[in-house]
């Protein structure tokens, strides 16, 4: 996979903490950021696909087994 450098501005405190975590995990800040950004993109893409699937379901409607025929009256459902 081809890599490309970017510039990222972080507070010194955040960068210090991330460097410590990276050292503890025997990895790099770059590897941590790549994993986090990849997870973020995957989550967002999954959400977008699920949203699209549900919108298509709403447009097509659901088969409730009535064939579009209402076999009851509102008054029957709300007898007192």
C-alpha atoms as a PDB file:
ATOM      1  CA  UNK A   1       0.000   0.000   0.000  1.00  0.00           C
ATOM      2  CA  UNK A   2       1.373   3.365  -0.996  1.00  0.00           C
ATOM      3  CA  UNK A   3       1.773   5.843   1.860  1.00  0.00           C
ATOM      4  CA  UNK A   4       1.420   9.620   1.854  1.00  0.00           C
ATOM      5  CA  UNK A   5       2.609  12.035   4.520  1.00  0.00           C
ATOM      6  CA  UNK A   6       0.250  14.542   6.099  1.00  0.00           C
ATOM      7  CA  UNK A   7       0.706  17.350   8.582  1.00  0.00           C
ATOM      8  CA  UNK A   8      -1.215  17.000  11.812  1.00  0.00           C
ATOM      9  CA  UNK A   9      -1.321  19.610  14.570  1.00  0.00           C
ATOM     10  CA  UNK A  10      -1.826  18.301  18.095  1.00  0.00           C
ATOM     11  CA  UNK A  11      -1.360  19.884  21.460  1.00  0.00           C
ATOM     12  CA  UNK A  12       1.974  19.045  23.056  1.00  0.00           C
ATOM     13  CA  UNK A  13       0.206  17.276  25.915  1.00  0.00           C
ATOM     14  CA  UNK A  14      -1.831  15.017  23.618  1.00  0.00           C
ATOM     15  CA  UNK A  15       1.213  14.200  21.520  1.00  0.00           C
ATOM     16  CA  UNK A  16       3.236  13.373  24.641  1.00  0.00           C
ATOM     17  CA  UNK A  17       0.522  11.043  25.915  1.00  0.00           C
ATOM     18  CA  UNK A  18       0.174   9.310  22.538  1.00  0.00           C
ATOM     19  CA  UNK A  19       3.933   8.837  22.277  1.00  0.00           C
ATOM     20  CA  UNK A  20       3.942   7.197  25.711  1.00  0.00           C
ATOM     21  CA  UNK A  21       1.096   4.886  24.697  1.00  0.00           C
ATOM     22  CA  UNK A  22       2.834   4.018  21.440  1.00  0.00           C
ATOM     23  CA  UNK A  23       6.041   3.160  23.286  1.00  0.00           C
ATOM     24  CA  UNK A  24       4.113   1.014  25.789  1.00  0.00           C
ATOM     25  CA  UNK A  25       2.462  -0.853  22.903  1.00  0.00           C
ATOM     26  CA  UNK A  26       5.718  -1.148  20.942  1.00  0.00           C
ATOM     27  CA  UNK A  27       4.222   0.712  17.991  1.00  0.00           C
ATOM     28  CA  UNK A  28       4.340   4.185  16.461  1.00  0.00           C
ATOM     29  CA  UNK A  29       2.120   7.245  16.588  1.00  0.00           C
ATOM     30  CA  UNK A  30       1.631   6.781  12.845  1.00  0.00           C
ATOM     31  CA  UNK A  31       0.373   3.207  13.329  1.00  0.00           C
ATOM     32  CA  UNK A  32      -2.027   4.333  16.055  1.00  0.00           C
ATOM     33  CA  UNK A  33      -3.389   7.163  13.908  1.00  0.00           C
ATOM     34  CA  UNK A  34      -3.731   4.913  10.855  1.00  0.00           C
ATOM     35  CA  UNK A  35      -5.710   2.344  12.889  1.00  0.00           C
ATOM     36  CA  UNK A  36      -7.964   4.993  14.435  1.00  0.00           C
ATOM     37  CA  UNK A  37      -8.651   6.701  11.109  1.00  0.00           C
ATOM     38  CA  UNK A  38      -9.250   3.378   9.367  1.00  0.00           C
ATOM     39  CA  UNK A  39     -11.720   2.321  12.075  1.00  0.00           C
ATOM     40  CA  UNK A  40     -13.450   5.700  11.828  1.00  0.00           C
ATOM     41  CA  UNK A  41     -13.804   5.441   8.048  1.00  0.00           C
ATOM     42  CA  UNK A  42     -15.063   1.849   8.247  1.00  0.00           C
ATOM     43  CA  UNK A  43     -17.642   2.792  10.887  1.00  0.00           C
ATOM     44  CA  UNK A  44     -18.831   5.778   8.856  1.00  0.00           C
ATOM     45  CA  UNK A  45     -19.094   3.740   5.652  1.00  0.00           C
ATOM     46  CA  UNK A  46     -21.046   1.055   7.500  1.00  0.00           C
ATOM     47  CA  UNK A  47     -23.416   3.654   8.921  1.00  0.00           C
ATOM     48  CA  UNK A  48     -23.943   5.209   5.486  1.00  0.00           C
ATOM     49  CA  UNK A  49     -24.707   1.805   3.940  1.00  0.00           C
ATOM     50  CA  UNK A  50     -27.134   0.886   6.740  1.00  0.00           C
ATOM     51  CA  UNK A  51     -28.878   4.252   6.345  1.00  0.00           C
ATOM     52  CA  UNK A  52     -29.216   3.731   2.591  1.00  0.00           C
ATOM     53  CA  UNK A  53     -30.554   0.189   3.110  1.00  0.00           C
ATOM     54  CA  UNK A  54     -33.190   1.442   5.543  1.00  0.00           C
ATOM     55  CA  UNK A  55     -34.257   4.300   3.271  1.00  0.00           C
ATOM     56  CA  UNK A  56     -34.769   1.796   0.437  1.00  0.00           C
ATOM     57  CA  UNK A  57     -36.806  -0.430   2.772  1.00  0.00           C
ATOM     58  CA  UNK A  58     -39.002   2.509   3.759  1.00  0.00           C
ATOM     59  CA  UNK A  59     -39.604   3.384   0.091  1.00  0.00           C
ATOM     60  CA  UNK A  60     -40.533  -0.180  -0.844  1.00  0.00           C
ATOM     61  CA  UNK A  61     -42.687  -0.743   2.239  1.00  0.00           C
ATOM     62  CA  UNK A  62     -43.205  -3.888   4.254  1.00  0.00           C
ATOM     63  CA  UNK A  63     -45.492  -6.807   3.476  1.00  0.00           C
ATOM     64  CA  UNK A  64     -47.755  -7.079   6.503  1.00  0.00           C
ATOM     65  CA  UNK A  65     -49.795  -9.879   4.981  1.00  0.00           C
ATOM     66  CA  UNK A  66     -52.890  -7.730   4.360  1.00  0.00           C
ATOM     67  CA  UNK A  67     -52.364  -7.202   0.624  1.00  0.00           C
ATOM     68  CA  UNK A  68     -53.235  -3.555   1.272  1.00  0.00           C
ATOM     69  CA  UNK A  69     -56.715  -4.362   2.564  1.00  0.00           C
ATOM     70  CA  UNK A  70     -57.732  -3.052   5.969  1.00  0.00           C
ATOM     71  CA  UNK A  71     -59.974  -5.670   7.589  1.00  0.00           C
ATOM     72  CA  UNK A  72     -60.818  -3.714  10.731  1.00  0.00           C
ATOM     73  CA  UNK A  73     -62.317  -0.398  11.695  1.00  0.00           C
ATOM     74  CA  UNK A  74     -60.713   2.082  14.044  1.00  0.00           C
ATOM     75  CA  UNK A  75     -63.718   1.837  16.357  1.00  0.00           C
ATOM     76  CA  UNK A  76     -63.175  -1.933  16.682  1.00  0.00           C
ATOM     77  CA  UNK A  77     -59.644  -1.362  17.890  1.00  0.00           C
ATOM     78  CA  UNK A  78     -60.690   1.196  20.466  1.00  0.00           C
ATOM     79  CA  UNK A  79     -63.792  -0.357  21.986  1.00  0.00           C
ATOM     80  CA  UNK A  80     -64.667   1.009  25.390  1.00  0.00           C
END
